[in-house]
Amino acid sequence: FDPVTIGHLDIIRRSAKLFDKVIVVVMSNYRKQNTSCFTVEERME
């Protein structure tokens, strides 16, 4: 989610309709660690 897009949000919204609880988890991608524009905390916010 670096950064979040309308595509991400679409998948999240559709998942929220299908499941009782949806946890959107910001994962650390080892392939992208040095290219992140936003901190994990910023992405969560």
All heavy atoms as atom14 arrays in JSON, in Angstrom:
{
  "sequence": "FDPVTIGHLDIIRRSAKLFDKVIVVVMSNYRKQNTSCFTVEERME",
  "atom14_mask": [
    [1, 1, 1, 1, 1, 1, 1, 1, 1, 1, 1, 0, 0, 0],
    [1, 1, 1, 1, 1, 1, 1, 1, 0, 0, 0, 0, 0, 0],
    [1, 1, 1, 1, 1, 1, 1, 0, 0, 0, 0, 0, 0, 0],
    [1, 1, 1, 1, 1, 1, 1, 0, 0, 0, 0, 0, 0, 0],
    [1, 1, 1, 1, 1, 1, 1, 0, 0, 0, 0, 0, 0, 0],
    [1, 1, 1, 1, 1, 1, 1, 1, 0, 0, 0, 0, 0, 0],
    [1, 1, 1, 1, 0, 0, 0, 0, 0, 0, 0, 0, 0, 0],
    [1, 1, 1, 1, 1, 1, 1, 1, 1, 1, 0, 0, 0, 0],
    [1, 1, 1, 1, 1, 1, 1, 1, 0, 0, 0, 0, 0, 0],
    [1, 1, 1, 1, 1, 1, 1, 1, 0, 0, 0, 0, 0, 0],
    [1, 1, 1, 1, 1, 1, 1, 1, 0, 0, 0, 0, 0, 0],
    [1, 1, 1, 1, 1, 1, 1, 1, 0, 0, 0, 0, 0, 0],
    [1, 1, 1, 1, 1, 1, 1, 1, 1, 1, 1, 0, 0, 0],
    [1, 1, 1, 1, 1, 1, 1, 1, 1, 1, 1, 0, 0, 0],
    [1, 1, 1, 1, 1, 1, 0, 0, 0, 0, 0, 0, 0, 0],
    [1, 1, 1, 1, 1, 0, 0, 0, 0, 0, 0, 0, 0, 0],
    [1, 1, 1, 1, 1, 1, 1, 1, 1, 0, 0, 0, 0, 0],
    [1, 1, 1, 1, 1, 1, 1, 1, 0, 0, 0, 0, 0, 0],
    [1, 1, 1, 1, 1, 1, 1, 1, 1, 1, 1, 0, 0, 0],
    [1, 1, 1, 1, 1, 1, 1, 1, 0, 0, 0, 0, 0, 0],
    [1, 1, 1, 1, 1, 1, 1, 1, 1, 0, 0, 0, 0, 0],
    [1, 1, 1, 1, 1, 1, 1, 0, 0, 0, 0, 0, 0, 0],
    [1, 1, 1, 1, 1, 1, 1, 1, 0, 0, 0, 0, 0, 0],
    [1, 1, 1, 1, 1, 1, 1, 0, 0, 0, 0, 0, 0, 0],
    [1, 1, 1, 1, 1, 1, 1, 0, 0, 0, 0, 0, 0, 0],
    [1, 1, 1, 1, 1, 1, 1, 0, 0, 0, 0, 0, 0, 0],
    [1, 1, 1, 1, 1, 1, 1, 1, 0, 0, 0, 0, 0, 0],
    [1, 1, 1, 1, 1, 1, 0, 0, 0, 0, 0, 0, 0, 0],
    [1, 1, 1, 1, 1, 1, 1, 1, 0, 0, 0, 0, 0, 0],
    [1, 1, 1, 1, 1, 1, 1, 1, 1, 1, 1, 1, 0, 0],
    [1, 1, 1, 1, 1, 1, 1, 1, 1, 1, 1, 0, 0, 0],
    [1, 1, 1, 1, 1, 1, 1, 1, 1, 0, 0, 0, 0, 0],
    [1, 1, 1, 1, 1, 1, 1, 1, 1, 0, 0, 0, 0, 0],
    [1, 1, 1, 1, 1, 1, 1, 1, 0, 0, 0, 0, 0, 0],
    [1, 1, 1, 1, 1, 1, 1, 0, 0, 0, 0, 0, 0, 0],
    [1, 1, 1, 1, 1, 1, 0, 0, 0, 0, 0, 0, 0, 0],
    [1, 1, 1, 1, 1, 1, 0, 0, 0, 0, 0, 0, 0, 0],
    [1, 1, 1, 1, 1, 1, 1, 1, 1, 1, 1, 0, 0, 0],
    [1, 1, 1, 1, 1, 1, 1, 0, 0, 0, 0, 0, 0, 0],
    [1, 1, 1, 1, 1, 1, 1, 0, 0, 0, 0, 0, 0, 0],
    [1, 1, 1, 1, 1, 1, 1, 1, 1, 0, 0, 0, 0, 0],
    [1, 1, 1, 1, 1, 1, 1, 1, 1, 0, 0, 0, 0, 0],
    [1, 1, 1, 1, 1, 1, 1, 1, 1, 1, 1, 0, 0, 0],
    [1, 1, 1, 1, 1, 1, 1, 1, 0, 0, 0, 0, 0, 0],
    [1, 1, 1, 1, 1, 1, 1, 1, 1, 0, 0, 0, 0, 0]
  ],
  "atom14_positions": [
    [[0.82, -1.21, 0.0], [0.0, 0.0, 0.0], [0.86, 1.27, 0.0], [0.62, 2.19, 0.78], [-0.97, 0.01, 1.19], [-1.85, -1.19, 1.26], [-1.6, -2.21, 2.19], [-2.92, -1.34, 0.39], [-2.41, -3.33, 2.24], [-3.74, -2.47, 0.45], [-3.48, -3.47, 1.39], [0.0, 0.0, 0.0], [0.0, 0.0, 0.0], [0.0, 0.0, 0.0]],
    [[1.83, 1.32, -0.88], [2.79, 2.44, -0.9], [2.77, 3.16, -2.24], [3.7, 2.99, -3.04], [4.19, 1.9, -0.59], [5.21, 3.01, -0.4], [4.88, 4.0, 0.28], [6.33, 2.89, -0.92], [0.0, 0.0, 0.0], [0.0, 0.0, 0.0], [0.0, 0.0, 0.0], [0.0, 0.0, 0.0], [0.0, 0.0, 0.0], [0.0, 0.0, 0.0]],
    [[1.76, 3.98, -2.49], [0.62, 4.36, -1.65], [-0.63, 3.55, -2.0], [-0.67, 2.82, -2.97], [0.39, 5.82, -2.02], [0.72, 5.87, -3.48], [1.87, 4.88, -3.65], [0.0, 0.0, 0.0], [0.0, 0.0, 0.0], [0.0, 0.0, 0.0], [0.0, 0.0, 0.0], [0.0, 0.0, 0.0], [0.0, 0.0, 0.0], [0.0, 0.0, 0.0]],
    [[-1.66, 3.73, -1.17], [-2.95, 3.11, -1.41], [-3.56, 3.72, -2.68], [-3.41, 4.91, -2.94], [-3.89, 3.28, -0.19], [-4.15, 4.74, 0.13], [-5.19, 2.52, -0.38], [0.0, 0.0, 0.0], [0.0, 0.0, 0.0], [0.0, 0.0, 0.0], [0.0, 0.0, 0.0], [0.0, 0.0, 0.0], [0.0, 0.0, 0.0], [0.0, 0.0, 0.0]],
    [[-4.21, 2.88, -3.48], [-4.85, 3.32, -4.73], [-6.34, 3.01, -4.68], [-6.81, 2.27, -3.8], [-4.24, 2.6, -5.95], [-4.66, 1.22, -5.92], [-2.72, 2.7, -5.96], [0.0, 0.0, 0.0], [0.0, 0.0, 0.0], [0.0, 0.0, 0.0], [0.0, 0.0, 0.0], [0.0, 0.0, 0.0], [0.0, 0.0, 0.0], [0.0, 0.0, 0.0]],
    [[-7.07, 3.51, -5.68], [-8.49, 3.16, -5.75], [-8.66, 1.68, -6.06], [-9.67, 1.08, -5.69], [-9.27, 4.04, -6.76], [-8.72, 3.88, -8.17], [-9.31, 5.49, -6.31], [-9.6, 4.49, -9.26], [0.0, 0.0, 0.0], [0.0, 0.0, 0.0], [0.0, 0.0, 0.0], [0.0, 0.0, 0.0], [0.0, 0.0, 0.0], [0.0, 0.0, 0.0]],
    [[-7.68, 1.08, -6.69], [-7.71, -0.37, -6.92], [-7.65, -1.14, -5.62], [-8.42, -2.09, -5.4], [0.0, 0.0, 0.0], [0.0, 0.0, 0.0], [0.0, 0.0, 0.0], [0.0, 0.0, 0.0], [0.0, 0.0, 0.0], [0.0, 0.0, 0.0], [0.0, 0.0, 0.0], [0.0, 0.0, 0.0], [0.0, 0.0, 0.0], [0.0, 0.0, 0.0]],
    [[-6.73, -0.75, -4.73], [-6.65, -1.38, -3.41], [-7.98, -1.21, -2.67], [-8.52, -2.16, -2.09], [-5.57, -0.72, -2.54], [-4.18, -0.93, -2.99], [-3.29, 0.11, -3.12], [-3.49, -2.04, -3.33], [-2.12, -0.36, -3.51], [-2.22, -1.66, -3.66], [0.0, 0.0, 0.0], [0.0, 0.0, 0.0], [0.0, 0.0, 0.0], [0.0, 0.0, 0.0]],
    [[-8.48, 0.02, -2.68], [-9.7, 0.33, -1.95], [-10.89, -0.46, -2.48], [-11.74, -0.92, -1.71], [-9.97, 1.83, -2.0], [-10.93, 2.39, -0.97], [-10.55, 1.99, 0.45], [-10.98, 3.91, -1.09], [0.0, 0.0, 0.0], [0.0, 0.0, 0.0], [0.0, 0.0, 0.0], [0.0, 0.0, 0.0], [0.0, 0.0, 0.0], [0.0, 0.0, 0.0]],
    [[-10.94, -0.68, -3.78], [-12.0, -1.48, -4.37], [-11.97, -2.91, -3.84], [-13.01, -3.46, -3.45], [-11.87, -1.47, -5.9], [-12.88, -2.39, -6.55], [-14.09, -2.19, -6.35], [-12.45, -3.33, -7.25], [0.0, 0.0, 0.0], [0.0, 0.0, 0.0], [0.0, 0.0, 0.0], [0.0, 0.0, 0.0], [0.0, 0.0, 0.0], [0.0, 0.0, 0.0]],
    [[-10.79, -3.52, -3.79], [-10.67, -4.89, -3.27], [-11.06, -4.93, -1.8], [-11.76, -5.86, -1.35], [-9.22, -5.42, -3.48], [-8.87, -5.51, -4.97], [-9.03, -6.77, -2.77], [-9.67, -6.5, -5.79], [0.0, 0.0, 0.0], [0.0, 0.0, 0.0], [0.0, 0.0, 0.0], [0.0, 0.0, 0.0], [0.0, 0.0, 0.0], [0.0, 0.0, 0.0]],
    [[-10.65, -3.93, -1.03], [-11.0, -3.88, 0.4], [-12.51, -3.76, 0.58], [-13.11, -4.5, 1.38], [-10.27, -2.71, 1.09], [-8.76, -2.95, 1.11], [-10.8, -2.49, 2.51], [-7.91, -1.73, 1.45], [0.0, 0.0, 0.0], [0.0, 0.0, 0.0], [0.0, 0.0, 0.0], [0.0, 0.0, 0.0], [0.0, 0.0, 0.0], [0.0, 0.0, 0.0]],
    [[-13.14, -2.87, -0.15], [-14.6, -2.68, -0.03], [-15.37, -3.93, -0.43], [-16.33, -4.32, 0.22], [-15.04, -1.49, -0.88], [-14.69, -0.16, -0.27], [-15.22, 0.98, -1.11], [-14.96, 2.23, -0.43], [-14.6, 3.35, -1.04], [-14.49, 3.38, -2.36], [-14.37, 4.45, -0.36], [0.0, 0.0, 0.0], [0.0, 0.0, 0.0], [0.0, 0.0, 0.0]],
    [[-14.95, -4.55, -1.51], [-15.63, -5.77, -1.95], [-15.43, -6.9, -0.95], [-16.35, -7.69, -0.69], [-15.15, -6.15, -3.35], [-15.69, -5.17, -4.39], [-15.0, -5.2, -5.73], [-14.92, -6.52, -6.32], [-13.99, -6.85, -7.23], [-13.09, -5.97, -7.64], [-13.96, -8.05, -7.73], [0.0, 0.0, 0.0], [0.0, 0.0, 0.0], [0.0, 0.0, 0.0]],
    [[-14.26, -6.97, -0.36], [-13.99, -7.98, 0.68], [-14.86, -7.73, 1.91], [-15.36, -8.68, 2.52], [-12.52, -7.96, 1.08], [-11.69, -8.32, 0.01], [0.0, 0.0, 0.0], [0.0, 0.0, 0.0], [0.0, 0.0, 0.0], [0.0, 0.0, 0.0], [0.0, 0.0, 0.0], [0.0, 0.0, 0.0], [0.0, 0.0, 0.0], [0.0, 0.0, 0.0]],
    [[-15.05, -6.47, 2.26], [-15.86, -6.11, 3.43], [-17.31, -6.54, 3.25], [-18.01, -6.79, 4.24], [-15.77, -4.62, 3.7], [0.0, 0.0, 0.0], [0.0, 0.0, 0.0], [0.0, 0.0, 0.0], [0.0, 0.0, 0.0], [0.0, 0.0, 0.0], [0.0, 0.0, 0.0], [0.0, 0.0, 0.0], [0.0, 0.0, 0.0], [0.0, 0.0, 0.0]],
    [[-17.77, -6.67, 2.01], [-19.13, -7.15, 1.75], [-19.23, -8.66, 1.88], [-20.3, -9.2, 2.16], [-19.58, -6.73, 0.34], [-19.81, -5.25, 0.19], [-20.22, -4.94, -1.23], [-20.38, -3.45, -1.44], [-20.68, -3.12, -2.85], [0.0, 0.0, 0.0], [0.0, 0.0, 0.0], [0.0, 0.0, 0.0], [0.0, 0.0, 0.0], [0.0, 0.0, 0.0]],
    [[-18.12, -9.36, 1.68], [-18.13, -10.82, 1.66], [-17.81, -11.47, 2.99], [-18.22, -12.59, 3.26], [-17.13, -11.33, 0.61], [-17.42, -10.99, -0.84], [-16.25, -11.43, -1.72], [-18.71, -11.65, -1.29], [0.0, 0.0, 0.0], [0.0, 0.0, 0.0], [0.0, 0.0, 0.0], [0.0, 0.0, 0.0], [0.0, 0.0, 0.0], [0.0, 0.0, 0.0]],
    [[-17.03, -10.77, 3.83], [-16.54, -11.37, 5.07], [-16.99, -10.56, 6.28], [-17.22, -9.36, 6.18], [-15.01, -11.47, 5.04], [-14.52, -12.31, 3.89], [-14.03, -11.72, 2.74], [-14.57, -13.7, 3.95], [-13.6, -12.48, 1.66], [-14.14, -14.47, 2.88], [-13.66, -13.87, 1.73], [0.0, 0.0, 0.0], [0.0, 0.0, 0.0], [0.0, 0.0, 0.0]],
    [[-17.1, -11.26, 7.42], [-17.56, -10.61, 8.64], [-16.54, -9.57, 9.14], [-16.91, -8.52, 9.64], [-17.79, -11.65, 9.74], [-18.85, -12.66, 9.32], [-19.96, -12.23, 8.94], [-18.56, -13.86, 9.34], [0.0, 0.0, 0.0], [0.0, 0.0, 0.0], [0.0, 0.0, 0.0], [0.0, 0.0, 0.0], [0.0, 0.0, 0.0], [0.0, 0.0, 0.0]],
    [[-15.28, -9.9, 9.0], [-14.21, -9.02, 9.45], [-13.1, -9.04, 8.4], [-12.75, -10.1, 7.88], [-13.65, -9.49, 10.79], [-12.54, -8.65, 11.34], [-12.08, -9.19, 12.69], [-10.98, -8.36, 13.29], [-10.55, -8.9, 14.59], [0.0, 0.0, 0.0], [0.0, 0.0, 0.0], [0.0, 0.0, 0.0], [0.0, 0.0, 0.0], [0.0, 0.0, 0.0]],
    [[-12.56, -7.86, 8.09], [-11.46, -7.74, 7.14], [-10.32, -6.99, 7.82], [-10.53, -5.88, 8.32], [-11.89, -7.0, 5.86], [-10.69, -6.8, 4.93], [-13.0, -7.77, 5.14], [0.0, 0.0, 0.0], [0.0, 0.0, 0.0], [0.0, 0.0, 0.0], [0.0, 0.0, 0.0], [0.0, 0.0, 0.0], [0.0, 0.0, 0.0], [0.0, 0.0, 0.0]],
    [[-9.17, -7.62, 7.84], [-7.98, -6.97, 8.38], [-7.1, -6.58, 7.19], [-6.64, -7.46, 6.46], [-7.2, -7.89, 9.33], [-8.1, -8.4, 10.46], [-5.97, -7.16, 9.89], [-7.48, -9.51, 11.3], [0.0, 0.0, 0.0], [0.0, 0.0, 0.0], [0.0, 0.0, 0.0], [0.0, 0.0, 0.0], [0.0, 0.0, 0.0], [0.0, 0.0, 0.0]],
    [[-6.92, -5.29, 7.01], [-6.02, -4.79, 5.98], [-4.66, -4.67, 6.65], [-4.5, -3.89, 7.58], [-6.49, -3.44, 5.42], [-5.52, -2.93, 4.37], [-7.91, -3.56, 4.86], [0.0, 0.0, 0.0], [0.0, 0.0, 0.0], [0.0, 0.0, 0.0], [0.0, 0.0, 0.0], [0.0, 0.0, 0.0], [0.0, 0.0, 0.0], [0.0, 0.0, 0.0]],
    [[-3.72, -5.49, 6.2], [-2.42, -5.53, 6.87], [-1.34, -4.99, 5.95], [-1.16, -5.48, 4.84], [-2.09, -6.94, 7.42], [-2.06, -7.98, 6.33], [-0.79, -6.95, 8.19], [0.0, 0.0, 0.0], [0.0, 0.0, 0.0], [0.0, 0.0, 0.0], [0.0, 0.0, 0.0], [0.0, 0.0, 0.0], [0.0, 0.0, 0.0], [0.0, 0.0, 0.0]],
    [[-0.68, -3.95, 6.43], [0.47, -3.39, 5.71], [1.65, -4.29, 6.01], [2.06, -4.44, 7.16], [0.75, -1.94, 6.16], [1.99, -1.4, 5.46], [-0.46, -1.05, 5.9], [0.0, 0.0, 0.0], [0.0, 0.0, 0.0], [0.0, 0.0, 0.0], [0.0, 0.0, 0.0], [0.0, 0.0, 0.0], [0.0, 0.0, 0.0], [0.0, 0.0, 0.0]],
    [[2.14, -4.92, 4.95], [3.26, -5.85, 5.1], [4.53, -5.19, 4.62], [4.52, -4.35, 3.72], [3.02, -7.12, 4.27], [1.75, -7.89, 4.59], [1.71, -8.65, 6.21], [2.94, -9.92, 6.05], [0.0, 0.0, 0.0], [0.0, 0.0, 0.0], [0.0, 0.0, 0.0], [0.0, 0.0, 0.0], [0.0, 0.0, 0.0], [0.0, 0.0, 0.0]],
    [[5.62, -5.6, 5.2], [6.93, -5.13, 4.75], [7.35, -6.02, 3.59], [7.47, -7.23, 3.74], [7.93, -5.23, 5.89], [9.21, -4.87, 5.46], [0.0, 0.0, 0.0], [0.0, 0.0, 0.0], [0.0, 0.0, 0.0], [0.0, 0.0, 0.0], [0.0, 0.0, 0.0], [0.0, 0.0, 0.0], [0.0, 0.0, 0.0], [0.0, 0.0, 0.0]],
    [[7.55, -5.43, 2.43], [7.97, -6.18, 1.25], [9.48, -6.05, 1.12], [10.0, -4.97, 0.83], [7.27, -5.63, 0.0], [7.55, -6.44, -1.24], [8.61, -7.06, -1.37], [6.61, -6.43, -2.17], [0.0, 0.0, 0.0], [0.0, 0.0, 0.0], [0.0, 0.0, 0.0], [0.0, 0.0, 0.0], [0.0, 0.0, 0.0], [0.0, 0.0, 0.0]],
    [[10.19, -7.15, 1.34], [11.65, -7.11, 1.33], [12.21, -6.63, 0.0], [13.3, -6.07, -0.06], [12.24, -8.46, 1.71], [12.1, -9.53, 0.65], [13.09, -9.74, -0.3], [10.96, -10.33, 0.59], [12.94, -10.7, -1.28], [10.81, -11.28, -0.4], [11.82, -11.47, -1.32], [11.67, -12.41, -2.3], [0.0, 0.0, 0.0], [0.0, 0.0, 0.0]],
    [[11.45, -6.81, -1.09], [11.91, -6.36, -2.41], [11.75, -4.85, -2.6], [12.32, -4.27, -3.5], [11.15, -7.09, -3.51], [11.53, -8.56, -3.61], [10.77, -9.23, -4.71], [9.44, -9.57, -4.21], [8.55, -10.26, -4.88], [8.8, -10.67, -6.09], [7.38, -10.55, -4.35], [0.0, 0.0, 0.0], [0.0, 0.0, 0.0], [0.0, 0.0, 0.0]],
    [[10.94, -4.22, -1.73], [10.66, -2.8, -1.9], [11.12, -1.96, -0.72], [10.79, -0.78, -0.63], [9.15, -2.59, -2.09], [8.58, -3.25, -3.32], [7.09, -3.01, -3.42], [6.47, -3.69, -4.62], [5.03, -3.48, -4.67], [0.0, 0.0, 0.0], [0.0, 0.0, 0.0], [0.0, 0.0, 0.0], [0.0, 0.0, 0.0], [0.0, 0.0, 0.0]],
    [[11.88, -2.53, 0.21], [12.23, -1.84, 1.44], [12.95, -0.51, 1.2], [12.72, 0.45, 1.92], [13.09, -2.73, 2.34], [12.28, -3.79, 3.03], [13.12, -4.7, 3.89], [14.32, -4.77, 3.76], [12.47, -5.4, 4.79], [0.0, 0.0, 0.0], [0.0, 0.0, 0.0], [0.0, 0.0, 0.0], [0.0, 0.0, 0.0], [0.0, 0.0, 0.0]],
    [[13.81, -0.43, 0.23], [14.58, 0.79, 0.01], [13.89, 1.78, -0.91], [14.43, 2.84, -1.17], [15.97, 0.44, -0.54], [16.78, -0.37, 0.45], [16.65, -0.19, 1.65], [17.59, -1.28, -0.05], [0.0, 0.0, 0.0], [0.0, 0.0, 0.0], [0.0, 0.0, 0.0], [0.0, 0.0, 0.0], [0.0, 0.0, 0.0], [0.0, 0.0, 0.0]],
    [[12.71, 1.43, -1.4], [12.01, 2.31, -2.33], [10.69, 2.84, -1.77], [9.95, 3.48, -2.49], [11.74, 1.58, -3.66], [10.88, 0.46, -3.41], [13.02, 1.12, -4.33], [0.0, 0.0, 0.0], [0.0, 0.0, 0.0], [0.0, 0.0, 0.0], [0.0, 0.0, 0.0], [0.0, 0.0, 0.0], [0.0, 0.0, 0.0], [0.0, 0.0, 0.0]],
    [[10.42, 2.6, -0.5], [9.16, 3.05, 0.09], [9.11, 4.57, 0.19], [10.09, 5.22, 0.56], [8.99, 2.46, 1.49], [8.87, 1.06, 1.42], [0.0, 0.0, 0.0], [0.0, 0.0, 0.0], [0.0, 0.0, 0.0], [0.0, 0.0, 0.0], [0.0, 0.0, 0.0], [0.0, 0.0, 0.0], [0.0, 0.0, 0.0], [0.0, 0.0, 0.0]],
    [[7.97, 5.13, -0.15], [7.76, 6.57, -0.06], [7.09, 6.96, 1.25], [7.21, 8.09, 1.69], [6.88, 7.04, -1.21], [7.68, 6.88, -2.81], [0.0, 0.0, 0.0], [0.0, 0.0, 0.0], [0.0, 0.0, 0.0], [0.0, 0.0, 0.0], [0.0, 0.0, 0.0], [0.0, 0.0, 0.0], [0.0, 0.0, 0.0], [0.0, 0.0, 0.0]],
    [[6.39, 6.02, 1.85], [5.66, 6.27, 3.08], [6.09, 5.27, 4.14], [6.32, 4.1, 3.81], [4.14, 6.13, 2.83], [3.6, 7.12, 1.84], [3.61, 6.84, 0.48], [3.1, 8.34, 2.26], [3.12, 7.74, -0.44], [2.61, 9.25, 1.34], [2.62, 8.96, -0.01], [0.0, 0.0, 0.0], [0.0, 0.0, 0.0], [0.0, 0.0, 0.0]],
    [[6.15, 5.7, 5.38], [6.45, 4.78, 6.46], [5.25, 3.84, 6.64], [4.14, 4.14, 6.17], [6.71, 5.51, 7.78], [5.49, 6.14, 8.22], [7.83, 6.55, 7.65], [0.0, 0.0, 0.0], [0.0, 0.0, 0.0], [0.0, 0.0, 0.0], [0.0, 0.0, 0.0], [0.0, 0.0, 0.0], [0.0, 0.0, 0.0], [0.0, 0.0, 0.0]],
    [[5.45, 2.76, 7.33], [4.35, 1.84, 7.62], [3.26, 2.56, 8.38], [2.07, 2.41, 8.08], [4.88, 0.61, 8.41], [3.73, -0.21, 8.95], [5.78, -0.24, 7.53], [0.0, 0.0, 0.0], [0.0, 0.0, 0.0], [0.0, 0.0, 0.0], [0.0, 0.0, 0.0], [0.0, 0.0, 0.0], [0.0, 0.0, 0.0], [0.0, 0.0, 0.0]],
    [[3.62, 3.38, 9.34], [2.64, 4.13, 10.13], [1.84, 5.08, 9.25], [0.62, 5.22, 9.41], [3.32, 4.9, 11.26], [3.94, 4.03, 12.32], [5.29, 3.4, 11.92], [5.92, 3.86, 10.94], [5.68, 2.42, 12.58], [0.0, 0.0, 0.0], [0.0, 0.0, 0.0], [0.0, 0.0, 0.0], [0.0, 0.0, 0.0], [0.0, 0.0, 0.0]],
    [[2.5, 5.75, 8.29], [1.8, 6.65, 7.39], [0.84, 5.88, 6.49], [-0.3, 6.32, 6.25], [2.8, 7.43, 6.54], [3.56, 8.47, 7.32], [4.72, 9.07, 6.54], [5.27, 8.41, 5.63], [5.11, 10.22, 6.87], [0.0, 0.0, 0.0], [0.0, 0.0, 0.0], [0.0, 0.0, 0.0], [0.0, 0.0, 0.0], [0.0, 0.0, 0.0]],
    [[1.26, 4.74, 6.0], [0.39, 3.94, 5.15], [-0.84, 3.48, 5.93], [-1.96, 3.47, 5.4], [1.14, 2.74, 4.58], [2.15, 3.14, 3.52], [2.88, 1.97, 2.96], [4.22, 1.94, 3.54], [5.05, 0.93, 3.5], [4.69, -0.21, 2.93], [6.24, 1.01, 4.02], [0.0, 0.0, 0.0], [0.0, 0.0, 0.0], [0.0, 0.0, 0.0]],
    [[-0.63, 3.1, 7.18], [-1.76, 2.69, 8.02], [-2.73, 3.85, 8.22], [-3.95, 3.67, 8.15], [-1.26, 2.16, 9.36], [-0.54, 0.83, 9.25], [0.19, 0.3, 10.81], [-1.26, 0.1, 11.82], [0.0, 0.0, 0.0], [0.0, 0.0, 0.0], [0.0, 0.0, 0.0], [0.0, 0.0, 0.0], [0.0, 0.0, 0.0], [0.0, 0.0, 0.0]],
    [[-2.21, 5.04, 8.45], [-3.06, 6.21, 8.65], [-3.85, 6.54, 7.37], [-5.04, 6.84, 7.42], [-2.23, 7.42, 9.07], [-3.03, 8.7, 9.23], [-4.19, 8.6, 10.21], [-4.15, 7.78, 11.15], [-5.18, 9.36, 10.03], [0.0, 0.0, 0.0], [0.0, 0.0, 0.0], [0.0, 0.0, 0.0], [0.0, 0.0, 0.0], [0.0, 0.0, 0.0]]
  ]
}
